[in-house]
Protein backbone atom coordinates (compact mmCIF):
# COMPACT_ATOMS: atom_id res chain seq x y z
CA MET A 1 25.67 10.69 17.59
CA SER A 2 28.90 10.33 19.64
CA LYS A 3 26.95 9.75 22.83
CA ALA A 4 26.25 6.11 21.79
CA LYS A 5 29.92 5.38 20.93
CA THR A 6 32.53 3.61 22.95
CA ILE A 7 36.02 5.01 23.76
CA LEU A 8 38.84 2.64 24.88
CA LEU A 9 41.67 4.27 26.77
CA VAL A 10 44.97 2.44 27.19
CA GLU A 11 47.01 4.39 29.81
CA ASP A 12 49.09 2.98 32.67
CA ASP A 13 49.40 6.25 34.67
CA PRO A 14 46.33 6.33 37.00
CA ALA A 15 46.41 10.11 37.36
CA ILE A 16 46.47 10.77 33.57
CA ALA A 17 43.75 8.09 33.04
CA MET A 18 41.54 9.73 35.64
CA ILE A 19 41.95 13.20 34.07
CA ILE A 20 41.19 11.87 30.55
CA ARG A 21 38.14 9.95 31.84
CA GLU A 22 36.69 13.08 33.59
CA THR A 23 37.37 15.10 30.40
CA LEU A 24 35.82 12.67 27.91
CA VAL A 25 33.18 10.66 29.83
CA GLY A 26 30.52 13.14 28.50
CA GLU A 27 31.68 12.69 24.90
CA CYS A 28 30.61 9.06 24.56
CA GLY A 29 28.11 6.52 25.69
CA ARG A 30 30.72 4.11 27.21
CA PHE A 31 34.27 4.89 28.41
CA VAL A 32 36.60 1.96 29.15
CA SER A 33 40.06 2.37 30.62
CA VAL A 34 42.73 -0.32 30.80
CA ALA A 35 46.38 -0.06 31.97
CA SER A 36 48.27 -2.67 29.89
CA ILE A 37 48.46 -4.42 26.49
CA ALA A 38 47.24 -7.63 28.10
CA GLU A 39 44.11 -5.91 29.48
CA ARG A 40 43.56 -4.12 26.14
CA ASN A 41 43.75 -7.32 24.14
CA ALA A 42 41.43 -9.16 26.54
CA TRP A 43 38.82 -6.41 26.20
CA LEU A 44 39.19 -6.20 22.39
CA ALA A 45 38.67 -9.95 22.05
CA ASP A 46 35.04 -9.46 22.92
CA ASN A 47 34.35 -5.76 22.12
CA ARG A 48 34.74 -3.30 19.32
CA PRO A 49 35.42 0.33 20.30
CA ASP A 50 34.60 3.42 18.16
CA LEU A 51 37.82 5.08 19.14
CA VAL A 52 41.08 3.96 20.81
CA ILE A 53 43.26 6.37 22.82
CA THR A 54 46.59 4.76 23.63
CA ASP A 55 49.89 5.47 25.31
CA VAL A 56 53.04 4.21 23.57
CA VAL A 57 55.22 2.94 26.47
CA LEU A 58 53.14 0.46 28.52
CA PRO A 59 54.23 -1.98 31.27
CA ASP A 60 54.15 -4.94 28.98
CA GLY A 61 55.28 -3.54 25.62
CA ASP A 62 54.89 -0.96 22.85
CA GLY A 63 51.30 0.34 22.57
CA ILE A 64 51.74 1.16 18.87
CA ASP A 65 53.56 -1.84 17.48
CA SER A 66 51.26 -4.32 19.33
CA LEU A 67 47.90 -2.69 18.37
CA ARG A 68 45.88 -4.89 16.05
CA ILE A 69 42.53 -3.18 15.27
CA ASP A 70 40.03 -2.66 12.52
CA ALA A 71 41.36 -0.30 9.86
CA LEU A 72 38.22 1.85 10.10
CA THR A 73 38.61 2.44 13.86
CA PRO A 74 40.34 5.76 14.56
CA VAL A 75 43.32 5.87 16.97
CA ILE A 76 44.67 8.74 18.97
CA VAL A 77 48.17 8.24 20.21
CA LEU A 78 49.50 9.88 23.42
CA SER A 79 53.20 9.73 24.16
CA ALA A 80 56.02 11.27 26.15
CA GLN A 81 58.42 9.72 23.57
CA ASN A 82 58.23 12.89 21.61
CA THR A 83 60.27 12.12 18.50
CA LEU A 84 59.65 12.08 14.78
CA ASP A 85 59.88 8.30 14.85
CA THR A 86 56.99 8.10 17.36
CA ALA A 87 54.89 10.54 15.32
CA VAL A 88 55.45 8.57 12.11
CA ARG A 89 54.77 5.22 13.74
CA ALA A 90 51.59 6.57 15.26
CA THR A 91 50.51 7.59 11.73
CA GLY A 92 51.67 4.31 10.41
CA ILE A 93 49.10 2.30 12.41
CA GLY A 94 46.41 4.53 10.90
CA SER A 95 46.07 6.83 13.88
CA TYR A 96 43.73 9.76 13.52
CA ASP A 97 45.91 12.02 15.61
CA TYR A 98 49.12 12.10 17.63
CA LEU A 99 49.43 14.23 20.79
CA PRO A 100 52.69 14.52 22.64
CA LYS A 101 52.58 14.64 26.44
CA PRO A 102 51.91 16.94 28.13
CA PHE A 103 48.87 17.57 25.96
CA ASP A 104 46.14 20.20 26.02
CA LEU A 105 42.80 18.82 27.22
CA ASP A 106 40.86 21.11 24.90
CA GLU A 107 42.93 19.87 21.96
CA LEU A 108 42.33 16.27 22.97
CA THR A 109 38.59 16.85 23.33
CA ALA A 110 38.45 18.45 19.92
CA SER A 111 40.42 15.57 18.38
CA VAL A 112 38.10 13.02 19.93
CA ARG A 113 35.01 14.74 18.70
CA ALA A 114 36.39 14.94 15.16
CA ALA A 115 37.58 11.30 15.27
CA LEU A 116 34.20 10.00 16.35
CA GLN A 117 32.57 11.84 13.44
CA ARG A 118 34.57 10.20 10.70
CA LYS A 119 36.49 7.00 10.06
CA ALA A 120 40.25 6.89 9.92
CA GLU A 121 41.53 6.67 6.33
CA PRO A 122 42.90 3.19 5.55
CA ALA A 123 45.41 4.67 3.08
CA ALA A 124 47.28 6.13 6.02
CA ARG A 125 48.63 2.68 6.83
CA ASP A 126 50.94 2.64 3.77
CA ILE A 127 53.67 4.50 5.54
CA ALA A 128 57.34 3.79 6.33
CA ALA A 129 58.15 2.90 9.92
CA PRO A 130 61.65 4.39 10.28
CA ALA A 131 64.21 3.17 12.76
CA ASP A 132 65.45 6.76 13.39
CA SER A 133 64.36 10.38 13.24
CA HIS A 134 66.16 11.15 9.99
CA GLY A 135 68.53 13.71 11.52
CA LEU A 136 65.81 15.59 13.33
CA VAL A 137 66.74 16.00 17.03
CA GLY A 138 64.69 17.55 19.86
CA ARG A 139 61.50 17.26 21.91
CA ALA A 140 60.68 20.97 22.45
CA PRO A 141 57.01 21.75 21.87
CA ALA A 142 57.85 23.71 18.70
CA MET A 143 59.48 20.58 17.23
CA GLN A 144 56.51 18.44 18.17
CA ALA A 145 54.39 20.52 15.85
CA VAL A 146 56.90 19.86 13.06
CA TYR A 147 56.95 16.06 13.80
CA ARG A 148 53.16 15.92 13.68
CA THR A 149 52.97 17.74 10.31
CA ILE A 150 55.63 15.41 8.82
CA ALA A 151 53.74 12.35 9.96
CA ARG A 152 50.52 13.64 8.41
CA LEU A 153 52.29 14.25 5.13
CA ALA A 154 53.39 10.62 4.91
CA SER A 155 50.22 9.38 3.20
CA ASN A 156 49.87 12.00 0.48
CA ASP A 157 51.79 13.76 -2.23
CA LEU A 158 50.87 17.40 -1.47
CA ALA A 159 53.24 20.22 -2.11
CA VAL A 160 55.08 21.50 1.01
CA LEU A 161 56.57 24.85 1.80
CA ILE A 162 59.19 24.85 4.58
CA LEU A 163 59.72 28.21 6.25
CA GLY A 164 62.43 29.16 8.72
CA GLU A 165 65.59 31.14 9.40
CA SER A 166 68.91 30.11 7.72
CA GLY A 167 70.45 27.11 9.52
CA THR A 168 67.24 25.76 11.13
CA GLY A 169 67.45 22.54 9.12
CA LYS A 170 65.03 22.99 6.25
CA GLU A 171 66.76 20.43 3.97
CA VAL A 172 66.85 17.97 6.86
CA VAL A 173 63.09 18.29 7.24
CA ALA A 174 62.62 17.96 3.45
CA ARG A 175 64.61 14.74 3.48
CA ALA A 176 62.57 13.44 6.46
CA ILE A 177 59.36 14.12 4.53
CA HIS A 178 60.72 12.19 1.60
CA ALA A 179 61.98 9.34 3.67
CA THR A 180 58.72 8.81 5.48
CA GLY A 181 56.39 9.32 2.55
CA LEU A 182 54.98 7.39 -0.39
CA ARG A 183 57.91 8.23 -2.64
CA ARG A 184 60.65 7.09 -0.19
CA ASN A 185 62.00 4.51 -2.67
CA GLY A 186 62.51 7.23 -5.38
CA PRO A 187 65.32 9.76 -5.66
CA PHE A 188 65.61 12.92 -3.58
CA VAL A 189 66.94 15.78 -5.77
CA ALA A 190 67.83 19.14 -4.36
CA ILE A 191 68.46 22.44 -6.13
CA ASN A 192 69.34 25.81 -4.58
CA MET A 193 67.68 28.63 -6.48
CA ALA A 194 70.05 31.20 -4.96
CA ALA A 195 73.19 29.37 -6.27
CA ILE A 196 72.25 29.21 -9.95
CA PRO A 197 72.59 32.03 -12.45
CA ARG A 198 69.21 33.41 -13.45
CA GLU A 199 69.65 32.54 -17.12
CA LEU A 200 70.35 28.91 -16.34
CA ILE A 201 67.57 28.14 -13.86
CA GLU A 202 65.12 26.91 -16.44
CA ALA A 203 67.68 24.64 -18.11
CA GLU A 204 68.61 23.28 -14.64
CA LEU A 205 65.05 22.60 -13.70
CA PHE A 206 63.67 21.23 -16.98
CA GLY A 207 66.78 20.19 -18.85
CA HIS A 208 67.77 21.23 -22.41
CA GLU A 209 68.19 19.89 -25.89
CA LYS A 210 71.40 19.82 -27.83
CA GLY A 211 71.92 23.29 -29.46
CA ALA A 212 69.17 24.93 -27.32
CA PHE A 213 71.63 27.65 -26.41
CA THR A 214 75.27 28.50 -26.76
CA GLY A 215 77.30 25.76 -25.01
CA ALA A 216 74.56 23.21 -25.07
CA HIS A 217 76.64 20.53 -26.83
CA SER A 218 74.36 17.64 -25.80
CA ARG A 219 71.03 16.92 -24.31
CA ASN A 220 70.88 17.36 -20.53
CA ALA A 221 68.30 15.98 -18.14
CA GLY A 222 66.85 18.58 -15.76
CA ARG A 223 66.09 18.19 -12.07
CA PHE A 224 62.43 17.30 -12.75
CA GLU A 225 63.53 14.41 -14.89
CA GLN A 226 66.24 13.34 -12.41
CA ALA A 227 63.65 13.34 -9.54
CA ALA A 228 61.03 11.24 -11.42
CA GLY A 229 59.28 8.98 -8.99
CA GLY A 230 60.74 10.84 -5.98
CA THR A 231 60.97 14.28 -4.44
CA LEU A 232 62.25 17.54 -5.91
CA PHE A 233 63.45 19.96 -3.26
CA LEU A 234 63.53 23.63 -4.39
CA ASP A 235 65.65 25.39 -1.74
CA GLU A 236 65.58 29.17 -1.42
CA ILE A 237 62.52 29.37 -3.62
CA GLY A 238 62.16 33.02 -2.69
CA ASP A 239 65.22 33.80 -4.85
CA MET A 240 63.66 32.33 -8.00
CA PRO A 241 63.34 34.86 -10.86
CA LEU A 242 59.87 35.81 -12.02
CA GLU A 243 60.21 34.32 -15.50
CA ALA A 244 61.15 30.91 -14.07
CA GLN A 245 58.32 31.22 -11.55
CA THR A 246 55.81 31.43 -14.45
CA ARG A 247 57.07 28.20 -15.99
CA LEU A 248 57.16 26.39 -12.67
CA LEU A 249 53.51 27.36 -12.07
CA ARG A 250 52.45 25.84 -15.40
CA VAL A 251 54.25 22.61 -14.48
CA LEU A 252 52.49 22.39 -11.09
CA GLN A 253 49.12 23.11 -12.69
CA SER A 254 49.46 20.57 -15.55
CA ASN A 255 52.03 18.07 -14.25
CA GLU A 256 53.72 18.48 -17.65
CA TYR A 257 56.82 20.34 -18.93
CA SER A 258 59.21 20.46 -21.84
CA THR A 259 62.95 20.87 -21.98
CA VAL A 260 64.51 24.10 -23.09
CA GLY A 261 64.64 23.87 -26.87
CA GLY A 262 62.38 20.87 -26.90
CA SER A 263 58.71 20.42 -27.95
CA GLN A 264 57.81 17.08 -26.47
CA ALA A 265 55.60 17.16 -23.31
CA LEU A 266 57.14 15.25 -20.48
CA ARG A 267 55.28 14.20 -17.26
CA ALA A 268 56.35 15.74 -14.05
CA ASP A 269 56.23 12.76 -11.71
CA VAL A 270 57.63 14.32 -8.53
CA ARG A 271 56.53 15.63 -5.16
CA VAL A 272 57.61 19.27 -4.87
CA ILE A 273 58.97 20.58 -1.54
CA ALA A 274 60.07 24.22 -1.43
CA ALA A 275 61.91 26.08 1.26
CA THR A 276 62.96 29.65 2.05
CA HIS A 277 64.22 31.88 4.83
CA ARG A 278 62.36 34.83 3.34
CA ASP A 279 59.00 36.30 4.24
CA MET A 280 56.99 34.98 1.30
CA ARG A 281 53.97 37.13 1.83
CA THR A 282 56.18 40.26 1.73
CA LEU A 283 57.72 39.09 -1.49
CA VAL A 284 54.22 38.57 -2.95
CA ALA A 285 53.12 42.00 -1.73
CA ASP A 286 56.17 43.60 -3.28
CA GLY A 287 55.60 41.81 -6.62
CA ARG A 288 58.70 39.74 -6.41
CA PHE A 289 56.93 36.41 -6.14
CA ARG A 290 53.82 35.24 -7.88
CA GLU A 291 50.82 34.99 -5.64
CA ASP A 292 49.32 32.02 -7.50
CA LEU A 293 52.62 30.17 -7.31
CA PHE A 294 52.88 30.85 -3.62
CA TYR A 295 49.49 29.21 -2.99
CA ARG A 296 50.37 26.31 -5.14
CA LEU A 297 53.48 25.69 -3.06
CA ASN A 298 51.98 26.64 0.28
CA VAL A 299 49.50 23.74 0.39
CA ILE A 300 51.10 22.39 3.57
CA PRO A 301 53.39 24.85 5.36
CA VAL A 302 55.95 23.68 7.83
CA THR A 303 57.51 26.42 10.01
CA LEU A 304 60.78 25.56 11.72
CA PRO A 305 61.57 27.30 15.03
CA PRO A 306 64.91 29.12 15.48
CA LEU A 307 67.25 27.49 18.00
CA ARG A 308 66.74 30.26 20.53
CA ASP A 309 63.08 29.21 20.76
CA ARG A 310 63.98 25.59 21.55
CA ARG A 311 66.87 25.95 24.00
CA SER A 312 65.77 22.80 25.82
CA ASP A 313 66.92 20.80 22.76
CA ILE A 314 70.51 22.19 22.69
CA ALA A 315 71.92 19.48 24.99
CA ALA A 316 70.42 16.75 22.85
CA LEU A 317 71.74 18.49 19.70
CA VAL A 318 75.20 18.71 21.18
CA ARG A 319 75.20 14.99 21.90
CA HIS A 320 74.01 14.32 18.39
CA PHE A 321 76.81 16.34 16.84
CA VAL A 322 79.40 14.81 19.13
CA GLU A 323 78.33 11.30 18.07
CA ALA A 324 78.21 12.33 14.46
CA GLY A 325 81.72 13.68 14.76
CA ARG A 326 82.96 10.57 16.47
CA SER A 327 81.69 8.42 13.65
CA SER A 328 83.58 10.64 11.28
CA GLY A 329 86.84 10.22 13.14
CA LEU A 330 86.73 13.29 15.44
CA PRO A 331 87.72 12.96 19.09
CA ASP A 332 85.03 12.18 21.60
CA ARG A 333 84.10 15.08 23.88
CA GLN A 334 82.03 15.74 26.95
CA PHE A 335 80.81 19.19 28.04
CA ALA A 336 81.16 20.59 31.52
CA PRO A 337 77.83 21.70 33.02
CA ALA A 338 78.83 25.33 32.93
CA ALA A 339 79.86 25.04 29.26
CA MET A 340 76.49 23.39 28.40
CA GLN A 341 74.68 26.15 30.23
CA TRP A 342 76.62 28.74 28.25
CA LEU A 343 75.56 27.03 24.97
CA GLU A 344 71.93 26.99 26.15
CA ARG A 345 71.95 30.73 26.87
CA TYR A 346 73.63 31.83 23.67
CA ASP A 347 71.20 33.06 21.04
CA TRP A 348 72.68 31.16 18.08
CA PRO A 349 71.96 33.52 15.17
CA GLY A 350 73.16 30.79 12.80
CA ASN A 351 70.78 28.25 14.46
CA VAL A 352 71.42 24.50 14.40
CA ARG A 353 73.99 24.78 11.60
CA GLU A 354 76.02 27.17 13.74
CA LEU A 355 75.74 24.92 16.80
CA GLY A 356 76.90 21.94 14.72
CA ASN A 357 79.96 23.80 13.39
CA VAL A 358 80.90 24.98 16.89
CA VAL A 359 80.69 21.47 18.34
CA GLN A 360 82.84 20.10 15.56
CA ARG A 361 85.49 22.81 16.04
CA LEU A 362 85.47 22.16 19.85
CA ALA A 363 86.02 18.46 19.22
CA VAL A 364 89.19 19.31 17.24
CA LEU A 365 90.53 22.29 19.20
CA SER A 366 89.70 21.41 22.86
CA ARG A 367 92.83 20.02 24.59
CA ASP A 368 90.91 17.96 27.17
CA VAL A 369 88.09 15.45 26.95
CA VAL A 370 85.84 17.84 28.87
CA VAL A 371 84.95 21.06 27.05
CA THR A 372 84.96 24.20 29.31
CA VAL A 373 83.35 27.61 29.03
CA ARG A 374 86.75 29.06 28.09
CA ASP A 375 86.95 26.57 25.19
CA VAL A 376 83.60 27.70 23.90
CA GLU A 377 84.36 31.41 24.18
CA THR A 378 87.77 30.94 22.51
CA VAL A 379 86.33 28.98 19.56
CA LEU A 380 83.61 31.55 18.94
CA HIS A 381 86.02 34.44 19.29
CA GLU A 382 88.55 32.87 16.89
CA SER A 383 85.86 32.10 14.35
CA GLY A 384 84.48 35.62 14.46
CA GLU A 385 81.04 34.35 15.58
CA GLY A 386 78.98 35.71 18.43
CA GLY A 387 80.84 38.99 18.40
CA GLY A 388 83.84 37.46 20.30
CA ALA A 389 83.44 36.54 23.97
CA VAL A 390 79.97 36.85 25.34
CA GLU A 391 79.25 40.05 27.30
CA PRO A 392 78.64 39.17 30.93
CA ALA A 393 75.73 41.60 31.05
CA ALA A 394 74.11 39.68 28.24
CA LEU A 395 74.53 36.38 30.09
CA ILE A 396 73.03 37.93 33.24
CA ALA A 397 70.11 39.28 31.25
CA ARG A 398 69.41 35.89 29.65
CA ALA A 399 69.70 34.11 33.08
CA VAL A 400 67.21 36.63 34.61
CA ASP A 401 64.88 36.17 31.70
CA ASP A 402 64.94 32.37 32.06
CA TRP A 403 64.43 32.61 35.84
CA ALA A 404 61.63 35.14 35.57
CA ARG A 405 59.86 33.05 32.96
CA GLU A 406 59.87 30.07 35.33
CA GLN A 407 58.59 32.16 38.20
CA MET A 408 55.76 33.71 36.13
CA ALA A 409 54.73 30.16 35.05
CA ASP A 410 54.23 29.25 38.71
CA THR A 411 50.61 30.10 39.44
CA ALA A 412 51.38 29.77 43.19
CA SER A 413 53.76 32.73 43.05
CA GLU A 414 53.25 35.17 45.86
CA GLY A 415 54.22 38.16 43.76
CA ASP A 416 57.59 38.72 45.44
CA ILE A 417 59.85 37.81 42.53
CA HIS A 418 61.54 41.23 42.59
CA GLU A 419 62.61 40.70 46.21
CA GLN A 420 63.72 37.07 45.48
CA LEU A 421 65.79 38.15 42.49
CA GLU A 422 67.35 41.06 44.41
CA ALA A 423 68.46 38.67 47.22
CA ILE A 424 69.91 36.20 44.69
CA VAL A 425 71.89 38.85 42.83
CA GLU A 426 73.04 40.69 45.95
CA ALA A 427 74.23 37.53 47.60
CA ALA A 428 76.23 36.47 44.57
CA LEU A 429 77.76 39.91 44.19
CA PHE A 430 78.65 40.40 47.87
CA ARG A 431 80.29 36.97 48.03
CA ARG A 432 82.35 37.63 44.92
CA VAL A 433 83.61 41.00 46.23
CA LEU A 434 84.24 39.75 49.76
CA ARG A 435 86.36 36.86 48.35
CA ASP A 436 88.34 39.28 46.25
CA VAL A 437 89.09 41.58 49.22
CA ARG A 438 89.66 38.65 51.63
CA GLY A 439 86.68 39.55 53.86
CA ASN A 440 87.62 43.20 54.40
CA GLN A 441 84.21 44.80 54.80
CA LEU A 442 85.48 48.37 54.61
CA GLU A 443 87.19 47.65 51.32
CA ALA A 444 84.15 45.61 50.03
CA ALA A 445 81.82 48.59 50.88
CA ARG A 446 84.15 50.92 48.95
CA ARG A 447 84.27 48.58 45.92
CA LEU A 448 80.45 48.28 45.97
CA GLY A 449 79.86 51.98 46.41
CA ILE A 450 77.68 51.58 49.44
CA ASN A 451 77.84 52.50 53.16
CA ARG A 452 79.68 50.04 55.43
CA ASN A 453 76.74 49.89 57.82
CA THR A 454 74.37 49.08 54.90
CA LEU A 455 76.72 46.31 53.78
CA ARG A 456 76.85 44.82 57.32
CA LYS A 457 73.05 44.94 57.60
CA ARG A 458 72.55 43.25 54.24
CA LEU A 459 75.11 40.57 55.01
CA GLY A 460 73.17 39.73 58.15
CA GLN A 461 69.86 39.63 56.24
CA LEU A 462 71.38 37.38 53.60
CA ASP A 463 73.09 35.16 56.25
CA ILE A 464 76.56 35.72 54.70
CA ASP A 465 79.66 35.26 56.85
CA PRO A 466 82.10 37.90 55.57
CA ALA A 467 85.09 35.78 56.82
CA HIS A 468 83.83 32.79 54.78
CA PRO A 469 81.72 34.14 51.91
């Protein structure tokens, strides 16, 4: 059926356009490629495509905002502007899919085939078009998957379960889902299951009547009632006691609840978003979390990557925290390249939260406008984080790991990466030692624990002048 259909591609990069054409020309009866909004609009004036594939940044404007097309025509958006804002705006025009550049051709082909087999849902157009990314920063591939999921949640009220280590930003994501969704004009109410005594959780969630228990001197509205018309965020859901889990399950099944001590059925008019840093399947297997409740909450899972898996976002996050601190009255700061490299190599066990705290402390404690490596090490050491100053061996290991990963990704590699690395490390080591001993080769050989002739030979091979290392 797709063989008789028409695909319109709007892409100003000739190389990308050619690759897409070669990939998809067999998927349709007619493939049309244009390079600007003006060309697109001229073609659309006399033709109706079955699918539009469009870039966002075009020579004469924004490919999303300017697109005016039949609500039943699916759109696939391609963009190097890989932010939550782009993903949500893409969904806001009724797009069938959003693929951040660089994209996988097999994924594009699968999306095209699926889009040509069904019409885009008109309901997807009732979505907010935010002016920012709601606190979410970063363009790493792992974050792109998060943005795409958030965008697809904007047109429905399905339950969401956010998974991720502590400090990865689960509440920030929950707020972004709320702010871009159908209930964005309602309240966002959060409750931390781990911070409330077990005996008070049900009263906190569902409210209580006067006299329901000792100390209940008046009626109190619970979080479900407070969040009516909006979103209820259940943080650390893995710490919820089993008895409260049973009652929560009934509410999710029936959309009704009653207050503690009350008999009147109240409507649960909320979207539920839950989050945890725990392994929920392990909790279920151990009998500490109800399996039926887990599946009720896990309708749409969102898994947040730890910061160590998105190191390319660290510089952008640092700038974000510096700007946030400046708006709160903290001094402006810049980071020396070596200091930024240090931050990018550190493993950040506390994830984004830890990075934000460190940047704020550096803004206050650094004496100069430019933050140095010593500043970073001092702040972490004084705060008891990171086990004090970073071990040089650990930094070397991380640097080697990063370098080796890049070399392995190069398909043209000749298989000599061991020799390359050996030369890099030896040259750096020899230069350091020669500088310390002021070019004395005999002393340098002694410090290195190698024969002087061996040192002289290697210096020649590495093209190192011992007098000016």
